[in-house]
Each structure stands twice: as structure tokens, then as C-alpha cells.
């Protein structure tokens, strides 16, 4: 289980998008999850993947993607 965190407040949608892109490029799960709400109603669908619901499921999905040998970008 991920450690509790203080939510990051982005000052604009662009700041959130930049943080997401940087985390994606770095394959950094912790930085990626800063861009997501810590909410059990959170939903994420990776291309070709299942619907992931809840913070822990979304985190596990990113961990799996980053750990794979598939080139993401």
C-alpha cells in the first residue's frame, strides 16, 4: 500500500499536465500519482487495458506499465 501523502495543488491545468508528462517520461510512479486525486472514485483506462477504479488500482496499473518492456512514448 502506498504511503499517505499531502495532496499537491496545481495552479493550472497546464501545470498538472506538465507534471504528468514529466512523470510519464521518467517512468516515475510516485511522481505520476501526485497528478491523480487520492479518491476511490478515480478511474483510469490505459489503451487496451481494463478499467481501473480507485487510487490503489490506478497506481498498480502505472506500476505495471512502467515495469513492462513496452515502450510507452
N, C-alpha and C. Protein backbone atom coordinates (compact mmCIF):
# COMPACT_ATOMS: atom_id res chain seq x y z
N UNK A 1 0.84 -1.18 0.00
CA UNK A 1 0.00 0.00 0.00
C UNK A 1 0.89 1.25 0.00
N UNK A 2 0.48 2.25 -0.77
CA UNK A 2 1.26 3.47 -0.87
C UNK A 2 1.16 4.26 0.43
N UNK A 3 2.23 4.99 0.73
CA UNK A 3 2.22 5.81 1.94
C UNK A 3 1.31 7.01 1.75
N UNK A 4 0.67 7.47 2.83
CA UNK A 4 -0.20 8.66 2.72
C UNK A 4 0.62 9.86 2.27
N UNK A 5 -0.01 10.74 1.54
CA UNK A 5 0.70 11.91 1.03
C UNK A 5 -0.15 13.15 1.21
N UNK A 6 0.51 14.28 1.20
CA UNK A 6 -0.18 15.56 1.21
C UNK A 6 -0.53 15.87 -0.24
N UNK A 7 -1.80 16.13 -0.53
CA UNK A 7 -2.19 16.39 -1.91
C UNK A 7 -1.45 17.59 -2.49
N UNK A 8 -1.02 17.47 -3.73
CA UNK A 8 -0.40 18.57 -4.45
C UNK A 8 -1.50 19.39 -5.08
N UNK A 9 -1.40 20.68 -4.98
CA UNK A 9 -2.36 21.56 -5.62
C UNK A 9 -1.67 22.25 -6.78
N UNK A 10 -2.13 21.93 -7.97
CA UNK A 10 -1.58 22.56 -9.17
C UNK A 10 -2.31 23.87 -9.40
N UNK A 11 -1.58 24.88 -9.83
CA UNK A 11 -2.17 26.21 -10.00
C UNK A 11 -2.88 26.37 -11.34
N UNK A 12 -2.68 25.40 -12.26
CA UNK A 12 -3.36 25.45 -13.54
C UNK A 12 -3.42 24.04 -14.13
N UNK A 13 -4.33 23.82 -15.05
CA UNK A 13 -4.35 22.52 -15.74
C UNK A 13 -3.03 22.24 -16.48
N UNK A 14 -2.41 23.30 -16.97
CA UNK A 14 -1.14 23.13 -17.67
C UNK A 14 -0.06 22.61 -16.73
N UNK A 15 -0.03 23.11 -15.49
CA UNK A 15 0.96 22.63 -14.51
C UNK A 15 0.74 21.15 -14.21
N UNK A 16 -0.50 20.73 -14.10
CA UNK A 16 -0.81 19.32 -13.86
C UNK A 16 -0.38 18.48 -15.06
N UNK A 17 -0.65 18.96 -16.26
CA UNK A 17 -0.27 18.23 -17.48
C UNK A 17 1.24 18.10 -17.60
N UNK A 18 1.96 19.15 -17.27
CA UNK A 18 3.43 19.11 -17.32
C UNK A 18 3.96 18.09 -16.31
N UNK A 19 3.42 18.10 -15.11
CA UNK A 19 3.86 17.14 -14.08
C UNK A 19 3.56 15.71 -14.52
N UNK A 20 2.39 15.48 -15.12
CA UNK A 20 2.02 14.16 -15.63
C UNK A 20 3.02 13.72 -16.70
N UNK A 21 3.28 14.60 -17.68
CA UNK A 21 4.20 14.26 -18.77
C UNK A 21 5.61 13.97 -18.26
N UNK A 22 6.08 14.75 -17.30
CA UNK A 22 7.42 14.52 -16.75
C UNK A 22 7.48 13.18 -16.01
N UNK A 23 6.46 12.86 -15.26
CA UNK A 23 6.41 11.58 -14.55
C UNK A 23 6.35 10.43 -15.54
N UNK A 24 5.57 10.58 -16.59
CA UNK A 24 5.44 9.56 -17.63
C UNK A 24 6.78 9.31 -18.30
N UNK A 25 7.46 10.38 -18.70
CA UNK A 25 8.76 10.26 -19.37
C UNK A 25 9.81 9.60 -18.47
N UNK A 26 9.71 9.84 -17.17
CA UNK A 26 10.69 9.31 -16.21
C UNK A 26 10.30 7.93 -15.68
N UNK A 27 9.13 7.41 -16.08
CA UNK A 27 8.63 6.14 -15.52
C UNK A 27 8.63 6.20 -13.99
N UNK A 28 8.17 7.32 -13.44
CA UNK A 28 8.21 7.56 -12.00
C UNK A 28 6.79 7.45 -11.42
N UNK A 29 6.51 6.31 -10.80
CA UNK A 29 5.16 6.06 -10.26
C UNK A 29 4.80 7.08 -9.19
N UNK A 30 5.72 7.38 -8.28
CA UNK A 30 5.40 8.33 -7.21
C UNK A 30 5.06 9.71 -7.78
N UNK A 31 5.85 10.18 -8.74
CA UNK A 31 5.57 11.47 -9.36
C UNK A 31 4.26 11.41 -10.16
N UNK A 32 4.00 10.28 -10.80
CA UNK A 32 2.75 10.13 -11.55
C UNK A 32 1.54 10.24 -10.63
N UNK A 33 1.61 9.59 -9.49
CA UNK A 33 0.46 9.56 -8.61
C UNK A 33 0.19 10.90 -7.94
N UNK A 34 1.16 11.80 -7.94
CA UNK A 34 0.94 13.16 -7.43
C UNK A 34 -0.06 13.89 -8.33
N UNK A 35 -0.14 13.47 -9.60
CA UNK A 35 -1.04 14.14 -10.54
C UNK A 35 -2.46 13.61 -10.48
N UNK A 36 -2.70 12.58 -9.67
CA UNK A 36 -4.03 11.96 -9.55
C UNK A 36 -4.64 12.30 -8.19
N UNK A 37 -5.95 12.41 -8.15
CA UNK A 37 -6.65 12.59 -6.87
C UNK A 37 -6.58 11.29 -6.09
N UNK A 38 -6.45 11.39 -4.79
CA UNK A 38 -6.44 10.20 -3.94
C UNK A 38 -7.90 9.92 -3.56
N UNK A 39 -8.59 9.24 -4.47
CA UNK A 39 -10.04 9.08 -4.38
C UNK A 39 -10.43 7.69 -4.86
N UNK A 40 -11.34 7.06 -4.18
CA UNK A 40 -11.78 5.73 -4.58
C UNK A 40 -12.71 5.76 -5.79
N UNK A 41 -13.16 6.94 -6.22
CA UNK A 41 -13.98 7.06 -7.43
C UNK A 41 -13.13 7.36 -8.65
N UNK A 42 -11.84 7.42 -8.48
CA UNK A 42 -10.89 7.66 -9.56
C UNK A 42 -10.96 6.54 -10.58
N UNK A 43 -10.93 6.88 -11.87
CA UNK A 43 -10.99 5.88 -12.94
C UNK A 43 -9.90 6.18 -13.96
N UNK A 44 -9.24 5.11 -14.43
CA UNK A 44 -8.21 5.23 -15.45
C UNK A 44 -8.34 4.02 -16.38
N UNK A 45 -8.22 4.26 -17.68
CA UNK A 45 -8.20 3.17 -18.65
C UNK A 45 -6.99 3.38 -19.54
N UNK A 46 -6.03 2.46 -19.46
CA UNK A 46 -4.86 2.50 -20.34
C UNK A 46 -5.27 1.87 -21.67
N UNK A 47 -4.73 2.33 -22.79
CA UNK A 47 -5.09 1.75 -24.09
C UNK A 47 -4.95 0.22 -24.07
N UNK A 48 -6.02 -0.45 -24.43
CA UNK A 48 -6.02 -1.90 -24.48
C UNK A 48 -6.12 -2.58 -23.13
N UNK A 49 -6.26 -1.79 -22.06
CA UNK A 49 -6.28 -2.35 -20.71
C UNK A 49 -7.66 -2.31 -20.08
N UNK A 50 -7.77 -2.88 -18.89
CA UNK A 50 -9.05 -2.87 -18.18
C UNK A 50 -9.32 -1.50 -17.54
N UNK A 51 -10.54 -1.30 -17.14
CA UNK A 51 -10.94 -0.09 -16.40
C UNK A 51 -10.43 -0.24 -14.97
N UNK A 52 -9.62 0.70 -14.51
CA UNK A 52 -9.06 0.69 -13.17
C UNK A 52 -9.82 1.70 -12.32
N UNK A 53 -10.32 1.26 -11.17
CA UNK A 53 -11.13 2.12 -10.30
C UNK A 53 -10.48 2.22 -8.94
N UNK A 54 -10.27 3.44 -8.46
CA UNK A 54 -9.68 3.68 -7.15
C UNK A 54 -8.19 3.96 -7.24
N UNK A 55 -7.71 4.72 -6.28
CA UNK A 55 -6.31 5.18 -6.25
C UNK A 55 -5.33 4.01 -6.31
N UNK A 56 -5.53 3.00 -5.49
CA UNK A 56 -4.59 1.88 -5.44
C UNK A 56 -4.57 1.10 -6.75
N UNK A 57 -5.73 0.92 -7.38
CA UNK A 57 -5.79 0.21 -8.66
C UNK A 57 -5.09 1.01 -9.76
N UNK A 58 -5.30 2.33 -9.76
CA UNK A 58 -4.64 3.18 -10.76
C UNK A 58 -3.13 3.15 -10.55
N UNK A 59 -2.68 3.23 -9.30
CA UNK A 59 -1.25 3.16 -9.01
C UNK A 59 -0.68 1.83 -9.49
N UNK A 60 -1.36 0.74 -9.20
CA UNK A 60 -0.89 -0.59 -9.62
C UNK A 60 -0.81 -0.67 -11.14
N UNK A 61 -1.76 -0.04 -11.83
CA UNK A 61 -1.73 -0.03 -13.29
C UNK A 61 -0.51 0.69 -13.83
N UNK A 62 -0.18 1.84 -13.25
CA UNK A 62 1.02 2.58 -13.68
C UNK A 62 2.28 1.79 -13.33
N UNK A 63 2.32 1.17 -12.16
CA UNK A 63 3.49 0.37 -11.79
C UNK A 63 3.70 -0.74 -12.81
N UNK A 64 2.63 -1.40 -13.21
CA UNK A 64 2.72 -2.49 -14.17
C UNK A 64 3.20 -1.97 -15.53
N UNK A 65 2.65 -0.84 -15.98
CA UNK A 65 3.07 -0.27 -17.25
C UNK A 65 4.54 0.13 -17.23
N UNK A 66 4.96 0.80 -16.17
CA UNK A 66 6.34 1.26 -16.09
C UNK A 66 7.32 0.10 -15.97
N UNK A 67 6.90 -1.01 -15.38
CA UNK A 67 7.77 -2.17 -15.19
C UNK A 67 7.88 -3.02 -16.46
N UNK A 68 6.98 -2.83 -17.40
CA UNK A 68 6.97 -3.65 -18.62
C UNK A 68 8.07 -3.24 -19.58
N UNK A 69 8.34 -4.10 -20.52
CA UNK A 69 9.35 -3.81 -21.54
C UNK A 69 8.79 -3.01 -22.71
N UNK A 70 7.49 -2.71 -22.66
CA UNK A 70 6.84 -1.98 -23.73
C UNK A 70 7.25 -0.52 -23.71
N UNK A 71 7.63 0.01 -24.87
CA UNK A 71 7.97 1.43 -24.98
C UNK A 71 6.68 2.23 -24.97
N UNK A 72 6.57 3.16 -24.04
CA UNK A 72 5.34 3.91 -23.86
C UNK A 72 5.32 5.23 -24.60
N UNK A 73 6.46 5.80 -24.90
CA UNK A 73 6.45 7.11 -25.56
C UNK A 73 7.32 7.12 -26.78
